[in-house]
C-alpha atoms as a PDB file:
ATOM      1  CA  MET A   1     -11.190  11.650 -12.001  1.00  0.00           C
ATOM      2  CA  ALA A   2     -12.023   7.992 -12.865  1.00  0.00           C
ATOM      3  CA  VAL A   3     -12.681   7.348 -16.519  1.00  0.00           C
ATOM      4  CA  ALA A   4     -15.532   4.402 -17.525  1.00  0.00           C
ATOM      5  CA  PHE A   5     -15.908   2.749 -21.251  1.00  0.00           C
ATOM      6  CA  LYS A   6     -17.576   0.862 -22.877  1.00  0.00           C
ATOM      7  CA  ILE A   7     -17.700  -2.179 -25.506  1.00  0.00           C
ATOM      8  CA  GLU A   8     -20.474  -4.053 -27.116  1.00  0.00           C
ATOM      9  CA  GLU A   9     -20.589  -7.052 -28.693  1.00  0.00           C
ATOM     10  CA  THR A  10     -23.464  -9.667 -30.327  1.00  0.00           C
ATOM     11  CA  PHE A  11     -23.354 -13.331 -30.545  1.00  0.00           C
ATOM     12  CA  GLN A  12     -25.287 -15.582 -32.622  1.00  0.00           C
ATOM     13  CA  VAL A  13     -26.482 -17.656 -29.633  1.00  0.00           C
ATOM     14  CA  GLU A  14     -29.731 -18.009 -27.170  1.00  0.00           C
ATOM     15  CA  LEU A  15     -29.869 -15.250 -24.202  1.00  0.00           C
ATOM     16  CA  ALA A  16     -29.613 -18.231 -21.514  1.00  0.00           C
ATOM     17  CA  ARG A  17     -26.944 -19.520 -23.005  1.00  0.00           C
ATOM     18  CA  MET A  18     -24.780 -15.976 -23.490  1.00  0.00           C
ATOM     19  CA  TYR A  19     -25.676 -15.344 -19.590  1.00  0.00           C
ATOM     20  CA  THR A  20     -24.392 -19.041 -18.508  1.00  0.00           C
ATOM     21  CA  VAL A  21     -21.064 -18.792 -20.550  1.00  0.00           C
ATOM     22  CA  LEU A  22     -20.835 -15.263 -19.218  1.00  0.00           C
ATOM     23  CA  SER A  23     -21.023 -15.745 -15.797  1.00  0.00           C
ATOM     24  CA  ASP A  24     -18.855 -18.434 -15.025  1.00  0.00           C
ATOM     25  CA  VAL A  25     -15.973 -16.093 -14.886  1.00  0.00           C
ATOM     26  CA  ALA A  26     -13.830 -19.680 -13.998  1.00  0.00           C
ATOM     27  CA  SER A  27     -14.011 -20.989 -17.836  1.00  0.00           C
ATOM     28  CA  TRP A  28     -13.007 -17.449 -19.268  1.00  0.00           C
ATOM     29  CA  SER A  29      -9.905 -18.089 -21.445  1.00  0.00           C
ATOM     30  CA  VAL A  30      -7.789 -15.245 -20.210  1.00  0.00           C
ATOM     31  CA  PHE A  31      -5.174 -15.322 -17.869  1.00  0.00           C
ATOM     32  CA  ASP A  32      -6.509 -12.425 -15.013  1.00  0.00           C
ATOM     33  CA  LYS A  33     -10.131 -13.618 -14.657  1.00  0.00           C
ATOM     34  CA  PRO A  34     -12.431 -10.829 -12.154  1.00  0.00           C
ATOM     35  CA  ARG A  35     -14.473 -11.375  -9.236  1.00  0.00           C
ATOM     36  CA  LEU A  36     -18.162 -12.336  -9.960  1.00  0.00           C
ATOM     37  CA  VAL A  37     -19.783 -10.091  -7.677  1.00  0.00           C
ATOM     38  CA  SER A  38     -23.243 -10.593  -8.488  1.00  0.00           C
ATOM     39  CA  ALA A  39     -25.323 -12.179 -11.605  1.00  0.00           C
ATOM     40  CA  LYS A  40     -28.981 -11.687 -11.258  1.00  0.00           C
ATOM     41  CA  ASN A  41     -31.885  -9.959 -12.903  1.00  0.00           C
ATOM     42  CA  GLY A  42     -30.147 -10.425 -16.189  1.00  0.00           C
ATOM     43  CA  LYS A  43     -27.084  -8.525 -15.622  1.00  0.00           C
ATOM     44  CA  ILE A  44     -23.882  -9.153 -14.071  1.00  0.00           C
ATOM     45  CA  THR A  45     -21.635  -7.596 -12.071  1.00  0.00           C
ATOM     46  CA  LEU A  46     -17.692  -8.138 -11.838  1.00  0.00           C
ATOM     47  CA  ALA A  47     -14.713  -6.415  -9.745  1.00  0.00           C
ATOM     48  CA  PHE A  48     -11.069  -6.457 -10.778  1.00  0.00           C
ATOM     49  CA  VAL A  49      -7.998  -6.503  -8.230  1.00  0.00           C
ATOM     50  CA  ASP A  50      -6.991  -3.058  -9.475  1.00  0.00           C
ATOM     51  CA  GLY A  51      -9.995  -1.802  -7.994  1.00  0.00           C
ATOM     52  CA  THR A  52     -11.741  -1.072 -11.113  1.00  0.00           C
ATOM     53  CA  ARG A  53     -15.132  -3.451 -12.257  1.00  0.00           C
ATOM     54  CA  ALA A  54     -17.695  -3.415 -15.097  1.00  0.00           C
ATOM     55  CA  PHE A  55     -21.567  -4.107 -15.841  1.00  0.00           C
ATOM     56  CA  ILE A  56     -22.611  -6.447 -18.258  1.00  0.00           C
ATOM     57  CA  ASP A  57     -26.373  -6.528 -20.063  1.00  0.00           C
ATOM     58  CA  PHE A  58     -27.780  -8.309 -22.408  1.00  0.00           C
ATOM     59  CA  MET A  59     -30.252  -6.871 -25.031  1.00  0.00           C
ATOM     60  CA  ILE A  60     -31.502  -9.857 -27.723  1.00  0.00           C
ATOM     61  CA  VAL A  61     -31.680  -8.703 -31.128  1.00  0.00           C
ATOM     62  CA  ASP A  62     -32.140 -10.764 -34.915  1.00  0.00           C
ATOM     63  CA  ALA A  63     -29.018 -11.973 -34.531  1.00  0.00           C
ATOM     64  CA  GLY A  64     -28.994 -13.205 -31.175  1.00  0.00           C
ATOM     65  CA  VAL A  65     -27.961 -11.476 -28.257  1.00  0.00           C
ATOM     66  CA  ALA A  66     -26.203  -8.331 -27.615  1.00  0.00           C
ATOM     67  CA  ILE A  67     -23.817  -7.624 -24.629  1.00  0.00           C
ATOM     68  CA  ARG A  68     -22.877  -4.407 -23.156  1.00  0.00           C
ATOM     69  CA  VAL A  69     -19.988  -4.524 -20.932  1.00  0.00           C
ATOM     70  CA  VAL A  70     -19.521  -0.839 -19.405  1.00  0.00           C
ATOM     71  CA  HIS A  71     -16.409  -1.329 -17.485  1.00  0.00           C
ATOM     72  CA  GLU A  72     -15.480   2.078 -14.951  1.00  0.00           C
ATOM     73  CA  LEU A  73     -13.745   3.392 -12.269  1.00  0.00           C
ATOM     74  CA  LEU A  74     -10.274   3.050 -14.824  1.00  0.00           C
ATOM     75  CA  LYS A  75      -7.716   5.830 -12.967  1.00  0.00           C
ATOM     76  CA  ASP A  76      -6.824   7.237 -16.312  1.00  0.00           C
ATOM     77  CA  GLU A  77      -7.435   6.793 -20.349  1.00  0.00           C
ATOM     78  CA  SER A  78      -4.559   5.229 -20.486  1.00  0.00           C
ATOM     79  CA  ALA A  79      -5.642   2.033 -19.098  1.00  0.00           C
ATOM     80  CA  ILE A  80      -8.763   2.123 -21.628  1.00  0.00           C
ATOM     81  CA  SER A  81      -6.706   0.797 -24.788  1.00  0.00           C
ATOM     82  CA  ALA A  82      -5.316  -1.955 -22.159  1.00  0.00           C
ATOM     83  CA  TYR A  83      -9.035  -3.422 -21.289  1.00  0.00           C
ATOM     84  CA  GLN A  84     -10.422  -2.695 -24.512  1.00  0.00           C
ATOM     85  CA  LYS A  85      -8.224  -5.758 -25.152  1.00  0.00           C
ATOM     86  CA  TYR A  86      -8.502  -7.582 -22.355  1.00  0.00           C
ATOM     87  CA  TRP A  87     -12.602  -7.677 -23.400  1.00  0.00           C
ATOM     88  CA  ASN A  88     -11.786  -8.337 -26.976  1.00  0.00           C
ATOM     89  CA  GLU A  89      -9.981 -11.602 -25.919  1.00  0.00           C
ATOM     90  CA  VAL A  90     -12.843 -12.536 -23.739  1.00  0.00           C
ATOM     91  CA  PHE A  91     -15.479 -11.972 -26.518  1.00  0.00           C
ATOM     92  CA  VAL A  92     -12.653 -14.238 -28.687  1.00  0.00           C
ATOM     93  CA  GLY A  93     -12.915 -16.940 -25.783  1.00  0.00           C
ATOM     94  CA  ILE A  94     -16.947 -16.936 -25.253  1.00  0.00           C
ATOM     95  CA  ARG A  95     -16.840 -17.271 -29.323  1.00  0.00           C
ATOM     96  CA  ARG A  96     -14.589 -20.341 -29.576  1.00  0.00           C
ATOM     97  CA  ARG A  97     -16.344 -21.997 -26.717  1.00  0.00           C
ATOM     98  CA  LEU A  98     -20.005 -21.492 -28.218  1.00  0.00           C
ATOM     99  CA  GLU A  99     -18.637 -23.207 -31.138  1.00  0.00           C
ATOM    100  CA  ILE A 100     -17.036 -25.762 -29.431  1.00  0.00           C
ATOM    101  CA  ALA A 101     -20.109 -26.437 -27.431  1.00  0.00           C
END
């Protein structure tokens, strides 16, 4: 049975900039980059080489933009920890990129 998990993060940036940075997978500062399947209607869909996929959606909040990542099709619950670490590394890289730009 496939497993999914959700992770959320808030960034102090405008929606258009956050959407652009997240849809530019090639610029992410992680080694394993997913394939961008779709970036339309305010949502991003990503596919990973292990057969998992992630959906990213955006919500405007007082502090900026909250993003929610739902990563699904993991083989079992033991994979959750590794992907939580992966997404935290993605978020750190994005924060760094947004501070520089």
